Amino acid sequence: MNFIFIEGLRLDAWVGIYSRERVAPQTVEFDLSFGLPETAAARDDIADTIDYAKVIASMREELAGRHFNLLETLGEFVADLLCEKFAAPWVRIRIAKLGVMGGVRRIGVYIQRGDASSAPAGEM
């Protein structure tokens, strides 16, 4: 299986349970890896693969109007988006809040969908 990865994608998201997190969106960092259809490179045509620009645009649009209490729920939402809207057969998402606690650079979660044996080398 071939994969696309997007690292260091920063988007504003409404996420959190604390009152300070409900006043304004906060920047959340995403690292995404997702599997491609078997035919992705056969014809050298964007129509045969997952267009990462469309993935990013869709995430921006979807996250702008939603609030998530938990990063876990946000991660599940993005995993569903990749699997259902873009037909990704395998997905791994890393989501991190930045600088939300003193002395901590990032706090986050990993979400994975699909067969773990399909994971790219170094992902597990």
PDB file of N, CA and C in Angstrom:
ATOM      1  N   MET A   1       0.841  -1.186   0.000  1.00  0.00           N
ATOM      2  CA  MET A   1       0.000   0.000   0.000  1.00  0.00           C
ATOM      3  C   MET A   1       0.878   1.237   0.000  1.00  0.00           C
ATOM      4  N   ASN A   2       0.483   2.229  -0.767  1.00  0.00           N
ATOM      5  CA  ASN A   2       1.167   3.521  -0.781  1.00  0.00           C
ATOM      6  C   ASN A   2       0.432   4.489   0.135  1.00  0.00           C
ATOM      7  N   PHE A   3       1.150   5.527   0.578  1.00  0.00           N
ATOM      8  CA  PHE A   3       0.602   6.448   1.567  1.00  0.00           C
ATOM      9  C   PHE A   3       0.910   7.888   1.201  1.00  0.00           C
ATOM     10  N   ILE A   4       0.040   8.773   1.650  1.00  0.00           N
ATOM     11  CA  ILE A   4       0.300  10.207   1.651  1.00  0.00           C
ATOM     12  C   ILE A   4       0.476  10.603   3.100  1.00  0.00           C
ATOM     13  N   PHE A   5       1.398  11.537   3.361  1.00  0.00           N
ATOM     14  CA  PHE A   5       1.485  12.093   4.702  1.00  0.00           C
ATOM     15  C   PHE A   5       1.459  13.609   4.622  1.00  0.00           C
ATOM     16  N   ILE A   6       0.859  14.195   5.638  1.00  0.00           N
ATOM     17  CA  ILE A   6       0.802  15.648   5.811  1.00  0.00           C
ATOM     18  C   ILE A   6       1.279  15.892   7.233  1.00  0.00           C
ATOM     19  N   GLU A   7       2.349  16.632   7.383  1.00  0.00           N
ATOM     20  CA  GLU A   7       2.910  16.865   8.717  1.00  0.00           C
ATOM     21  C   GLU A   7       2.882  18.345   9.063  1.00  0.00           C
ATOM     22  N   GLY A   8       2.582  18.607  10.327  1.00  0.00           N
ATOM     23  CA  GLY A   8       2.629  19.977  10.818  1.00  0.00           C
ATOM     24  C   GLY A   8       1.508  20.869  10.305  1.00  0.00           C
ATOM     25  N   LEU A   9       0.386  20.274   9.939  1.00  0.00           N
ATOM     26  CA  LEU A   9      -0.763  21.057   9.481  1.00  0.00           C
ATOM     27  C   LEU A   9      -1.391  21.740  10.698  1.00  0.00           C
ATOM     28  N   ARG A  10      -1.399  23.043  10.681  1.00  0.00           N
ATOM     29  CA  ARG A  10      -1.976  23.796  11.796  1.00  0.00           C
ATOM     30  C   ARG A  10      -3.288  24.422  11.348  1.00  0.00           C
ATOM     31  N   LEU A  11      -4.338  24.088  12.101  1.00  0.00           N
ATOM     32  CA  LEU A  11      -5.668  24.609  11.834  1.00  0.00           C
ATOM     33  C   LEU A  11      -6.263  25.148  13.119  1.00  0.00           C
ATOM     34  N   ASP A  12      -7.117  26.136  12.989  1.00  0.00           N
ATOM     35  CA  ASP A  12      -7.855  26.616  14.145  1.00  0.00           C
ATOM     36  C   ASP A  12      -9.057  25.709  14.357  1.00  0.00           C
ATOM     37  N   ALA A  13      -9.258  25.305  15.608  1.00  0.00           N
ATOM     38  CA  ALA A  13     -10.368  24.411  15.937  1.00  0.00           C
ATOM     39  C   ALA A  13     -10.962  24.808  17.282  1.00  0.00           C
ATOM     40  N   TRP A  14     -12.241  24.622  17.383  1.00  0.00           N
ATOM     41  CA  TRP A  14     -12.941  24.809  18.650  1.00  0.00           C
ATOM     42  C   TRP A  14     -12.892  23.473  19.380  1.00  0.00           C
ATOM     43  N   VAL A  15     -12.001  23.382  20.342  1.00  0.00           N
ATOM     44  CA  VAL A  15     -11.851  22.117  21.063  1.00  0.00           C
ATOM     45  C   VAL A  15     -11.467  22.402  22.507  1.00  0.00           C
ATOM     46  N   GLY A  16     -12.118  21.701  23.418  1.00  0.00           N
ATOM     47  CA  GLY A  16     -11.764  21.832  24.820  1.00  0.00           C
ATOM     48  C   GLY A  16     -12.974  21.890  25.728  1.00  0.00           C
ATOM     49  N   ILE A  17     -12.734  21.534  26.986  1.00  0.00           N
ATOM     50  CA  ILE A  17     -13.814  21.529  27.976  1.00  0.00           C
ATOM     51  C   ILE A  17     -13.729  22.714  28.937  1.00  0.00           C
ATOM     52  N   TYR A  18     -12.583  23.356  28.990  1.00  0.00           N
ATOM     53  CA  TYR A  18     -12.401  24.452  29.931  1.00  0.00           C
ATOM     54  C   TYR A  18     -12.951  25.750  29.346  1.00  0.00           C
ATOM     55  N   SER A  19     -13.411  26.625  30.221  1.00  0.00           N
ATOM     56  CA  SER A  19     -14.019  27.877  29.765  1.00  0.00           C
ATOM     57  C   SER A  19     -13.066  28.692  28.893  1.00  0.00           C
ATOM     58  N   ARG A  20     -11.777  28.680  29.211  1.00  0.00           N
ATOM     59  CA  ARG A  20     -10.810  29.438  28.414  1.00  0.00           C
ATOM     60  C   ARG A  20     -10.699  28.885  26.984  1.00  0.00           C
ATOM     61  N   GLU A  21     -11.072  27.614  26.807  1.00  0.00           N
ATOM     62  CA  GLU A  21     -10.999  26.979  25.491  1.00  0.00           C
ATOM     63  C   GLU A  21     -12.277  27.186  24.676  1.00  0.00           C
ATOM     64  N   ARG A  22     -13.307  27.722  25.314  1.00  0.00           N
ATOM     65  CA  ARG A  22     -14.585  27.924  24.640  1.00  0.00           C
ATOM     66  C   ARG A  22     -14.775  29.362  24.166  1.00  0.00           C
ATOM     67  N   VAL A  23     -13.824  30.230  24.502  1.00  0.00           N
ATOM     68  CA  VAL A  23     -13.917  31.641  24.153  1.00  0.00           C
ATOM     69  C   VAL A  23     -13.491  31.892  22.713  1.00  0.00           C
ATOM     70  N   ALA A  24     -12.511  31.134  22.251  1.00  0.00           N
ATOM     71  CA  ALA A  24     -11.972  31.333  20.897  1.00  0.00           C
ATOM     72  C   ALA A  24     -11.387  30.008  20.403  1.00  0.00           C
ATOM     73  N   PRO A  25     -11.311  29.857  19.099  1.00  0.00           N
ATOM     74  CA  PRO A  25     -10.654  28.647  18.592  1.00  0.00           C
ATOM     75  C   PRO A  25      -9.169  28.673  18.952  1.00  0.00           C
ATOM     76  N   GLN A  26      -8.578  27.500  19.006  1.00  0.00           N
ATOM     77  CA  GLN A  26      -7.151  27.409  19.280  1.00  0.00           C
ATOM     78  C   GLN A  26      -6.462  26.662  18.137  1.00  0.00           C
ATOM     79  N   THR A  27      -5.216  26.958  17.966  1.00  0.00           N
ATOM     80  CA  THR A  27      -4.447  26.289  16.920  1.00  0.00           C
ATOM     81  C   THR A  27      -4.133  24.869  17.358  1.00  0.00           C
ATOM     82  N   VAL A  28      -4.461  23.947  16.491  1.00  0.00           N
ATOM     83  CA  VAL A  28      -4.228  22.526  16.732  1.00  0.00           C
ATOM     84  C   VAL A  28      -3.341  22.022  15.596  1.00  0.00           C
ATOM     85  N   GLU A  29      -2.367  21.178  15.933  1.00  0.00           N
ATOM     86  CA  GLU A  29      -1.445  20.655  14.923  1.00  0.00           C
ATOM     87  C   GLU A  29      -1.795  19.211  14.590  1.00  0.00           C
ATOM     88  N   PHE A  30      -1.840  18.929  13.289  1.00  0.00           N
ATOM     89  CA  PHE A  30      -2.178  17.596  12.789  1.00  0.00           C
ATOM     90  C   PHE A  30      -0.995  17.019  12.021  1.00  0.00           C
ATOM     91  N   ASP A  31      -0.744  15.740  12.241  1.00  0.00           N
ATOM     92  CA  ASP A  31       0.096  14.934  11.371  1.00  0.00           C
ATOM     93  C   ASP A  31      -0.810  13.818  10.869  1.00  0.00           C
ATOM     94  N   LEU A  32      -0.936  13.704   9.560  1.00  0.00           N
ATOM     95  CA  LEU A  32      -1.823  12.718   8.955  1.00  0.00           C
ATOM     96  C   LEU A  32      -1.025  11.777   8.072  1.00  0.00           C
ATOM     97  N   SER A  33      -1.352  10.513   8.119  1.00  0.00           N
ATOM     98  CA  SER A  33      -0.879   9.531   7.147  1.00  0.00           C
ATOM     99  C   SER A  33      -2.107   8.751   6.720  1.00  0.00           C
ATOM    100  N   PHE A  34      -2.246   8.537   5.410  1.00  0.00           N
ATOM    101  CA  PHE A  34      -3.398   7.766   4.953  1.00  0.00           C
ATOM    102  C   PHE A  34      -3.038   6.977   3.708  1.00  0.00           C
ATOM    103  N   GLY A  35      -3.623   5.777   3.647  1.00  0.00           N
ATOM    104  CA  GLY A  35      -3.383   4.888   2.528  1.00  0.00           C
ATOM    105  C   GLY A  35      -4.095   5.360   1.277  1.00  0.00           C
ATOM    106  N   LEU A  36      -3.562   4.925   0.157  1.00  0.00           N
ATOM    107  CA  LEU A  36      -4.104   5.300  -1.150  1.00  0.00           C
ATOM    108  C   LEU A  36      -4.745   4.098  -1.830  1.00  0.00           C
ATOM    109  N   PRO A  37      -5.667   4.359  -2.737  1.00  0.00           N
ATOM    110  CA  PRO A  37      -6.201   3.263  -3.538  1.00  0.00           C
ATOM    111  C   PRO A  37      -5.070   2.568  -4.307  1.00  0.00           C
ATOM    112  N   GLU A  38      -5.243   1.302  -4.576  1.00  0.00           N
ATOM    113  CA  GLU A  38      -4.220   0.524  -5.281  1.00  0.00           C
ATOM    114  C   GLU A  38      -3.879   1.120  -6.647  1.00  0.00           C
ATOM    115  N   THR A  39      -4.816   1.802  -7.254  1.00  0.00           N
ATOM    116  CA  THR A  39      -4.622   2.347  -8.601  1.00  0.00           C
ATOM    117  C   THR A  39      -4.064   3.765  -8.601  1.00  0.00           C
ATOM    118  N   ALA A  40      -3.637   4.271  -7.471  1.00  0.00           N
ATOM    119  CA  ALA A  40      -3.286   5.686  -7.331  1.00  0.00           C
ATOM    120  C   ALA A  40      -2.234   6.167  -8.333  1.00  0.00           C
ATOM    121  N   ALA A  41      -1.254   5.364  -8.647  1.00  0.00           N
ATOM    122  CA  ALA A  41      -0.175   5.823  -9.526  1.00  0.00           C
ATOM    123  C   ALA A  41      -0.258   5.232 -10.935  1.00  0.00           C
ATOM    124  N   ALA A  42      -1.263   4.441 -11.195  1.00  0.00           N
ATOM    125  CA  ALA A  42      -1.323   3.715 -12.464  1.00  0.00           C
ATOM    126  C   ALA A  42      -1.353   4.622 -13.687  1.00  0.00           C
ATOM    127  N   ARG A  43      -2.141   5.688 -13.658  1.00  0.00           N
ATOM    128  CA  ARG A  43      -2.292   6.544 -14.839  1.00  0.00           C
ATOM    129  C   ARG A  43      -1.688   7.925 -14.662  1.00  0.00           C
ATOM    130  N   ASP A  44      -1.056   8.170 -13.516  1.00  0.00           N
ATOM    131  CA  ASP A  44      -0.475   9.491 -13.252  1.00  0.00           C
ATOM    132  C   ASP A  44      -1.542  10.582 -13.330  1.00  0.00           C
ATOM    133  N   ASP A  45      -2.711  10.286 -12.712  1.00  0.00           N
ATOM    134  CA  ASP A  45      -3.868  11.165 -12.790  1.00  0.00           C
ATOM    135  C   ASP A  45      -4.385  11.440 -11.377  1.00  0.00           C
ATOM    136  N   ILE A  46      -4.570  12.711 -11.037  1.00  0.00           N
ATOM    137  CA  ILE A  46      -5.038  13.096  -9.702  1.00  0.00           C
ATOM    138  C   ILE A  46      -6.380  12.458  -9.372  1.00  0.00           C
ATOM    139  N   ALA A  47      -7.186  12.143 -10.382  1.00  0.00           N
ATOM    140  CA  ALA A  47      -8.492  11.530 -10.154  1.00  0.00           C
ATOM    141  C   ALA A  47      -8.383  10.127  -9.553  1.00  0.00           C
ATOM    142  N   ASP A  48      -7.219   9.504  -9.646  1.00  0.00           N
ATOM    143  CA  ASP A  48      -7.024   8.142  -9.154  1.00  0.00           C
ATOM    144  C   ASP A  48      -6.474   8.089  -7.733  1.00  0.00           C
ATOM    145  N   THR A  49      -6.226   9.223  -7.140  1.00  0.00           N
ATOM    146  CA  THR A  49      -5.610   9.246  -5.818  1.00  0.00           C
ATOM    147  C   THR A  49      -6.458  10.107  -4.877  1.00  0.00           C
ATOM    148  N   ILE A  50      -5.934  10.391  -3.713  1.00  0.00           N
ATOM    149  CA  ILE A  50      -6.582  11.298  -2.772  1.00  0.00           C
ATOM    150  C   ILE A  50      -5.861  12.635  -2.871  1.00  0.00           C
ATOM    151  N   ASP A  51      -6.590  13.659  -3.216  1.00  0.00           N
ATOM    152  CA  ASP A  51      -6.028  14.991  -3.415  1.00  0.00           C
ATOM    153  C   ASP A  51      -5.814  15.640  -2.046  1.00  0.00           C
ATOM    154  N   TYR A  52      -4.562  15.778  -1.628  1.00  0.00           N
ATOM    155  CA  TYR A  52      -4.283  16.308  -0.292  1.00  0.00           C
ATOM    156  C   TYR A  52      -4.754  17.745  -0.131  1.00  0.00           C
ATOM    157  N   ALA A  53      -4.785  18.520  -1.206  1.00  0.00           N
ATOM    158  CA  ALA A  53      -5.301  19.891  -1.119  1.00  0.00           C
ATOM    159  C   ALA A  53      -6.791  19.880  -0.768  1.00  0.00           C
ATOM    160  N   LYS A  54      -7.525  18.927  -1.317  1.00  0.00           N
ATOM    161  CA  LYS A  54      -8.951  18.808  -0.999  1.00  0.00           C
ATOM    162  C   LYS A  54      -9.148  18.314   0.438  1.00  0.00           C
ATOM    163  N   VAL A  55      -8.278  17.440   0.903  1.00  0.00           N
ATOM    164  CA  VAL A  55      -8.342  16.975   2.297  1.00  0.00           C
ATOM    165  C   VAL A  55      -8.185  18.167   3.237  1.00  0.00           C
ATOM    166  N   ILE A  56      -7.167  18.979   3.001  1.00  0.00           N
ATOM    167  CA  ILE A  56      -6.895  20.131   3.870  1.00  0.00           C
ATOM    168  C   ILE A  56      -8.043  21.131   3.814  1.00  0.00           C
ATOM    169  N   ALA A  57      -8.535  21.434   2.627  1.00  0.00           N
ATOM    170  CA  ALA A  57      -9.651  22.375   2.484  1.00  0.00           C
ATOM    171  C   ALA A  57     -10.896  21.859   3.196  1.00  0.00           C
ATOM    172  N   SER A  58     -11.161  20.582   3.072  1.00  0.00           N
ATOM    173  CA  SER A  58     -12.318  19.984   3.726  1.00  0.00           C
ATOM    174  C   SER A  58     -12.191  20.039   5.244  1.00  0.00           C
ATOM    175  N   MET A  59     -10.990  19.763   5.756  1.00  0.00           N
ATOM    176  CA  MET A  59     -10.777  19.847   7.198  1.00  0.00           C
ATOM    177  C   MET A  59     -11.001  21.276   7.688  1.00  0.00           C
ATOM    178  N   ARG A  60     -10.443  22.260   6.981  1.00  0.00           N
ATOM    179  CA  ARG A  60     -10.642  23.669   7.367  1.00  0.00           C
ATOM    180  C   ARG A  60     -12.121  24.017   7.434  1.00  0.00           C
ATOM    181  N   GLU A  61     -12.837  23.638   6.406  1.00  0.00           N
ATOM    182  CA  GLU A  61     -14.258  23.954   6.323  1.00  0.00           C
ATOM    183  C   GLU A  61     -15.047  23.274   7.440  1.00  0.00           C
ATOM    184  N   GLU A  62     -14.818  22.002   7.637  1.00  0.00           N
ATOM    185  CA  GLU A  62     -15.566  21.237   8.641  1.00  0.00           C
ATOM    186  C   GLU A  62     -15.267  21.694  10.071  1.00  0.00           C
ATOM    187  N   LEU A  63     -14.014  22.011  10.354  1.00  0.00           N
ATOM    188  CA  LEU A  63     -13.645  22.379  11.719  1.00  0.00           C
ATOM    189  C   LEU A  63     -14.075  23.797  12.085  1.00  0.00           C
ATOM    190  N   ALA A  64     -14.292  24.640  11.098  1.00  0.00           N
ATOM    191  CA  ALA A  64     -14.645  26.033  11.367  1.00  0.00           C
ATOM    192  C   ALA A  64     -15.970  26.170  12.109  1.00  0.00           C
ATOM    193  N   GLY A  65     -16.894  25.262  11.882  1.00  0.00           N
ATOM    194  CA  GLY A  65     -18.220  25.416  12.457  1.00  0.00           C
ATOM    195  C   GLY A  65     -18.598  24.404  13.518  1.00  0.00           C
ATOM    196  N   ARG A  66     -17.637  23.687  14.064  1.00  0.00           N
ATOM    197  CA  ARG A  66     -17.942  22.648  15.052  1.00  0.00           C
ATOM    198  C   ARG A  66     -17.134  22.853  16.318  1.00  0.00           C
ATOM    199  N   HIS A  67     -17.702  22.419  17.433  1.00  0.00           N
ATOM    200  CA  HIS A  67     -16.962  22.394  18.689  1.00  0.00           C
ATOM    201  C   HIS A  67     -16.841  20.949  19.149  1.00  0.00           C
ATOM    202  N   PHE A  68     -15.649  20.586  19.588  1.00  0.00           N
ATOM    203  CA  PHE A  68     -15.382  19.264  20.135  1.00  0.00           C
ATOM    204  C   PHE A  68     -14.919  19.441  21.570  1.00  0.00           C
ATOM    205  N   ASN A  69     -15.473  18.682  22.480  1.00  0.00           N
ATOM    206  CA  ASN A  69     -15.001  18.735  23.865  1.00  0.00           C
ATOM    207  C   ASN A  69     -13.618  18.099  23.988  1.00  0.00           C
ATOM    208  N   LEU A  70     -13.412  16.997  23.283  1.00  0.00           N
ATOM    209  CA  LEU A  70     -12.187  16.209  23.437  1.00  0.00           C
ATOM    210  C   LEU A  70     -11.410  16.098  22.135  1.00  0.00           C
ATOM    211  N   LEU A  71     -10.087  16.058  22.256  1.00  0.00           N
ATOM    212  CA  LEU A  71      -9.253  15.787  21.079  1.00  0.00           C
ATOM    213  C   LEU A  71      -9.586  14.425  20.486  1.00  0.00           C
ATOM    214  N   GLU A  72      -9.932  13.485  21.336  1.00  0.00           N
ATOM    215  CA  GLU A  72     -10.283  12.146  20.869  1.00  0.00           C
ATOM    216  C   GLU A  72     -11.470  12.201  19.895  1.00  0.00           C
ATOM    217  N   THR A  73     -12.466  13.014  20.232  1.00  0.00           N
ATOM    218  CA  THR A  73     -13.639  13.156  19.373  1.00  0.00           C
ATOM    219  C   THR A  73     -13.276  13.865  18.078  1.00  0.00           C
ATOM    220  N   LEU A  74     -12.445  14.884  18.166  1.00  0.00           N
ATOM    221  CA  LEU A  74     -11.956  15.569  16.976  1.00  0.00           C
ATOM    222  C   LEU A  74     -11.199  14.590  16.078  1.00  0.00           C
ATOM    223  N   GLY A  75     -10.352  13.766  16.668  1.00  0.00           N
ATOM    224  CA  GLY A  75      -9.600  12.778  15.900  1.00  0.00           C
ATOM    225  C   GLY A  75     -10.497  11.771  15.204  1.00  0.00           C
ATOM    226  N   GLU A  76     -11.509  11.298  15.907  1.00  0.00           N
ATOM    227  CA  GLU A  76     -12.452  10.358  15.303  1.00  0.00           C
ATOM    228  C   GLU A  76     -13.201  11.014  14.142  1.00  0.00           C
ATOM    229  N   PHE A  77     -13.549  12.287  14.301  1.00  0.00           N
ATOM    230  CA  PHE A  77     -14.231  13.020  13.238  1.00  0.00           C
ATOM    231  C   PHE A  77     -13.351  13.095  11.989  1.00  0.00           C
ATOM    232  N   VAL A  78     -12.085  13.446  12.170  1.00  0.00           N
ATOM    233  CA  VAL A  78     -11.171  13.559  11.027  1.00  0.00           C
ATOM    234  C   VAL A  78     -10.928  12.182  10.403  1.00  0.00           C
ATOM    235  N   ALA A  79     -10.795  11.150  11.227  1.00  0.00           N
ATOM    236  CA  ALA A  79     -10.626   9.787  10.697  1.00  0.00           C
ATOM    237  C   ALA A  79     -11.829   9.395   9.843  1.00  0.00           C
ATOM    238  N   ASP A  80     -13.031   9.679  10.340  1.00  0.00           N
ATOM    239  CA  ASP A  80     -14.239   9.381   9.562  1.00  0.00           C
ATOM    240  C   ASP A  80     -14.252  10.157   8.249  1.00  0.00           C
ATOM    241  N   LEU A  81     -13.858  11.417   8.310  1.00  0.00           N
ATOM    242  CA  LEU A  81     -13.810  12.248   7.104  1.00  0.00           C
ATOM    243  C   LEU A  81     -12.892  11.615   6.049  1.00  0.00           C
ATOM    244  N   LEU A  82     -11.702  11.200   6.467  1.00  0.00           N
ATOM    245  CA  LEU A  82     -10.751  10.603   5.527  1.00  0.00           C
ATOM    246  C   LEU A  82     -11.245   9.261   4.990  1.00  0.00           C
ATOM    247  N   CYS A  83     -11.823   8.454   5.863  1.00  0.00           N
ATOM    248  CA  CYS A  83     -12.284   7.127   5.435  1.00  0.00           C
ATOM    249  C   CYS A  83     -13.546   7.200   4.587  1.00  0.00           C
ATOM    250  N   GLU A  84     -14.473   8.050   4.977  1.00  0.00           N
ATOM    251  CA  GLU A  84     -15.760   8.079   4.287  1.00  0.00           C
ATOM    252  C   GLU A  84     -15.772   9.001   3.067  1.00  0.00           C
ATOM    253  N   LYS A  85     -15.338  10.237   3.242  1.00  0.00           N
ATOM    254  CA  LYS A  85     -15.394  11.188   2.122  1.00  0.00           C
ATOM    255  C   LYS A  85     -14.305  10.928   1.087  1.00  0.00           C
ATOM    256  N   PHE A  86     -13.114  10.509   1.559  1.00  0.00           N
ATOM    257  CA  PHE A  86     -11.979  10.342   0.648  1.00  0.00           C
ATOM    258  C   PHE A  86     -11.603   8.878   0.410  1.00  0.00           C
ATOM    259  N   ALA A  87     -12.329   7.959   1.009  1.00  0.00           N
ATOM    260  CA  ALA A  87     -12.142   6.516   0.816  1.00  0.00           C
ATOM    261  C   ALA A  87     -10.724   6.038   1.128  1.00  0.00           C
ATOM    262  N   ALA A  88     -10.099   6.626   2.142  1.00  0.00           N
ATOM    263  CA  ALA A  88      -8.766   6.169   2.555  1.00  0.00           C
ATOM    264  C   ALA A  88      -8.908   4.808   3.246  1.00  0.00           C
ATOM    265  N   PRO A  89      -8.157   3.794   2.811  1.00  0.00           N
ATOM    266  CA  PRO A  89      -8.272   2.467   3.412  1.00  0.00           C
ATOM    267  C   PRO A  89      -7.542   2.318   4.754  1.00  0.00           C
ATOM    268  N   TRP A  90      -6.635   3.221   5.047  1.00  0.00           N
ATOM    269  CA  TRP A  90      -5.882   3.202   6.311  1.00  0.00           C
ATOM    270  C   TRP A  90      -5.570   4.637   6.690  1.00  0.00           C
ATOM    271  N   VAL A  91      -5.757   4.970   7.973  1.00  0.00           N
ATOM    272  CA  VAL A  91      -5.560   6.334   8.437  1.00  0.00           C
ATOM    273  C   VAL A  91      -4.873   6.317   9.798  1.00  0.00           C
ATOM    274  N   ARG A  92      -3.900   7.213   9.957  1.00  0.00           N
ATOM    275  CA  ARG A  92      -3.325   7.468  11.274  1.00  0.00           C
ATOM    276  C   ARG A  92      -3.213   8.979  11.423  1.00  0.00           C
ATOM    277  N   ILE A  93      -3.763   9.469  12.536  1.00  0.00           N
ATOM    278  CA  ILE A  93      -3.828  10.894  12.795  1.00  0.00           C
ATOM    279  C   ILE A  93      -3.179  11.178  14.141  1.00  0.00           C
ATOM    280  N   ARG A  94      -2.359  12.188  14.164  1.00  0.00           N
ATOM    281  CA  ARG A  94      -1.783  12.698  15.409  1.00  0.00           C
ATOM    282  C   ARG A  94      -2.276  14.122  15.543  1.00  0.00           C
ATOM    283  N   ILE A  95      -2.928  14.421  16.668  1.00  0.00           N
ATOM    284  CA  ILE A  95      -3.464  15.757  16.905  1.00  0.00           C
ATOM    285  C   ILE A  95      -2.874  16.264  18.206  1.00  0.00           C
ATOM    286  N   ALA A  96      -2.420  17.506  18.192  1.00  0.00           N
ATOM    287  CA  ALA A  96      -1.830  18.080  19.399  1.00  0.00           C
ATOM    288  C   ALA A  96      -2.315  19.499  19.617  1.00  0.00           C
ATOM    289  N   LYS A  97      -2.661  19.784  20.871  1.00  0.00           N
ATOM    290  CA  LYS A  97      -2.867  21.162  21.304  1.00  0.00           C
ATOM    291  C   LYS A  97      -1.482  21.702  21.627  1.00  0.00           C
ATOM    292  N   LEU A  98      -1.252  22.952  21.309  1.00  0.00           N
ATOM    293  CA  LEU A  98       0.066  23.552  21.491  1.00  0.00           C
ATOM    294  C   LEU A  98       0.062  24.501  22.689  1.00  0.00           C
ATOM    295  N   GLY A  99       1.012  24.302  23.585  1.00  0.00           N
ATOM    296  CA  GLY A  99       1.225  25.234  24.683  1.00  0.00           C
ATOM    297  C   GLY A  99       0.047  25.437  25.611  1.00  0.00           C
ATOM    298  N   VAL A 100      -0.753  24.401  25.857  1.00  0.00           N
ATOM    299  CA  VAL A 100      -1.930  24.574  26.703  1.00  0.00           C
ATOM    300  C   VAL A 100      -1.630  24.473  28.199  1.00  0.00           C
ATOM    301  N   MET A 101      -0.446  23.967  28.531  1.00  0.00           N
ATOM    302  CA  MET A 101      -0.043  23.872  29.928  1.00  0.00           C
ATOM    303  C   MET A 101       1.404  24.317  30.051  1.00  0.00           C
ATOM    304  N   GLY A 102       1.714  24.956  31.162  1.00  0.00           N
ATOM    305  CA  GLY A 102       3.079  25.395  31.395  1.00  0.00           C
ATOM    306  C   GLY A 102       4.059  24.231  31.376  1.00  0.00           C
ATOM    307  N   GLY A 103       5.173  24.429  30.690  1.00  0.00           N
ATOM    308  CA  GLY A 103       6.212  23.409  30.634  1.00  0.00           C
ATOM    309  C   GLY A 103       5.920  22.245  29.710  1.00  0.00           C
ATOM    310  N   VAL A 104       4.840  22.331  28.942  1.00  0.00           N
ATOM    311  CA  VAL A 104       4.472  21.253  28.013  1.00  0.00           C
ATOM    312  C   VAL A 104       4.295  21.861  26.631  1.00  0.00           C
ATOM    313  N   ARG A 105       5.049  21.358  25.671  1.00  0.00           N
ATOM    314  CA  ARG A 105       4.969  21.897  24.308  1.00  0.00           C
ATOM    315  C   ARG A 105       3.701  21.444  23.587  1.00  0.00           C
ATOM    316  N   ARG A 106       3.367  20.155  23.704  1.00  0.00           N
ATOM    317  CA  ARG A 106       2.199  19.598  23.019  1.00  0.00           C
ATOM    318  C   ARG A 106       1.519  18.577  23.914  1.00  0.00           C
ATOM    319  N   ILE A 107       0.203  18.505  23.769  1.00  0.00           N
ATOM    320  CA  ILE A 107      -0.589  17.442  24.380  1.00  0.00           C
ATOM    321  C   ILE A 107      -1.498  16.928  23.283  1.00  0.00           C
ATOM    322  N   GLY A 108      -1.551  15.610  23.091  1.00  0.00           N
ATOM    323  CA  GLY A 108      -2.359  15.141  21.982  1.00  0.00           C
ATOM    324  C   GLY A 108      -2.734  13.686  22.035  1.00  0.00           C
ATOM    325  N   VAL A 109      -3.291  13.230  20.931  1.00  0.00           N
ATOM    326  CA  VAL A 109      -3.746  11.852  20.783  1.00  0.00           C
ATOM    327  C   VAL A 109      -3.368  11.333  19.397  1.00  0.00           C
ATOM    328  N   TYR A 110      -3.316  10.024  19.291  1.00  0.00           N
ATOM    329  CA  TYR A 110      -3.215   9.329  18.012  1.00  0.00           C
ATOM    330  C   TYR A 110      -4.520   8.587  17.779  1.00  0.00           C
ATOM    331  N   ILE A 111      -4.991   8.602  16.558  1.00  0.00           N
ATOM    332  CA  ILE A 111      -6.171   7.844  16.155  1.00  0.00           C
ATOM    333  C   ILE A 111      -5.744   7.047  14.934  1.00  0.00           C
ATOM    334  N   GLN A 112      -6.086   5.772  14.915  1.00  0.00           N
ATOM    335  CA  GLN A 112      -5.744   4.941  13.758  1.00  0.00           C
ATOM    336  C   GLN A 112      -6.965   4.149  13.331  1.00  0.00           C
ATOM    337  N   ARG A 113      -7.134   4.029  12.034  1.00  0.00           N
ATOM    338  CA  ARG A 113      -8.199   3.215  11.451  1.00  0.00           C
ATOM    339  C   ARG A 113      -7.586   2.326  10.388  1.00  0.00           C
ATOM    340  N   GLY A 114      -8.130   1.136  10.265  1.00  0.00           N
ATOM    341  CA  GLY A 114      -7.656   0.222   9.238  1.00  0.00           C
ATOM    342  C   GLY A 114      -6.723  -0.819   9.835  1.00  0.00           C
ATOM    343  N   ASP A 115      -6.264  -1.707   9.014  1.00  0.00           N
ATOM    344  CA  ASP A 115      -5.409  -2.823   9.400  1.00  0.00           C
ATOM    345  C   ASP A 115      -4.017  -2.341   9.776  1.00  0.00           C
ATOM    346  N   ALA A 116      -3.608  -2.573  11.021  1.00  0.00           N
ATOM    347  CA  ALA A 116      -2.291  -2.127  11.505  1.00  0.00           C
ATOM    348  C   ALA A 116      -1.153  -2.732  10.693  1.00  0.00           C
ATOM    349  N   SER A 117      -1.366  -3.893  10.099  1.00  0.00           N
ATOM    350  CA  SER A 117      -0.294  -4.503   9.295  1.00  0.00           C
ATOM    351  C   SER A 117      -0.050  -3.705   8.009  1.00  0.00           C
ATOM    352  N   SER A 118      -0.984  -2.819   7.674  1.00  0.00           N
ATOM    353  CA  SER A 118      -0.828  -1.969   6.482  1.00  0.00           C
ATOM    354  C   SER A 118      -0.058  -0.702   6.773  1.00  0.00           C
ATOM    355  N   ALA A 119       0.272  -0.450   8.037  1.00  0.00           N
ATOM    356  CA  ALA A 119       0.938   0.801   8.420  1.00  0.00           C
ATOM    357  C   ALA A 119       2.289   0.917   7.725  1.00  0.00           C
ATOM    358  N   PRO A 120       2.641   2.138   7.300  1.00  0.00           N
ATOM    359  CA  PRO A 120       3.954   2.327   6.681  1.00  0.00           C
ATOM    360  C   PRO A 120       5.069   2.103   7.712  1.00  0.00           C
ATOM    361  N   ALA A 121       6.230   1.720   7.233  1.00  0.00           N
ATOM    362  CA  ALA A 121       7.380   1.494   8.110  1.00  0.00           C
ATOM    363  C   ALA A 121       7.656   2.733   8.933  1.00  0.00           C
ATOM    364  N   GLY A 122       7.907   2.539  10.222  1.00  0.00           N
ATOM    365  CA  GLY A 122       8.207   3.640  11.106  1.00  0.00           C
ATOM    366  C   GLY A 122       6.987   4.309  11.704  1.00  0.00           C
ATOM    367  N   GLU A 123       5.802   3.930  11.277  1.00  0.00           N
ATOM    368  CA  GLU A 123       4.582   4.540  11.795  1.00  0.00           C
ATOM    369  C   GLU A 123       4.118   3.898  13.093  1.00  0.00           C
ATOM    370  N   MET A 124       4.495   2.693  13.338  1.00  0.00           N
ATOM    371  CA  MET A 124       4.022   2.023  14.538  1.00  0.00           C
ATOM    372  C   MET A 124       5.024   2.253  15.616  1.00  0.00           C
TER     373      MET A 124
END
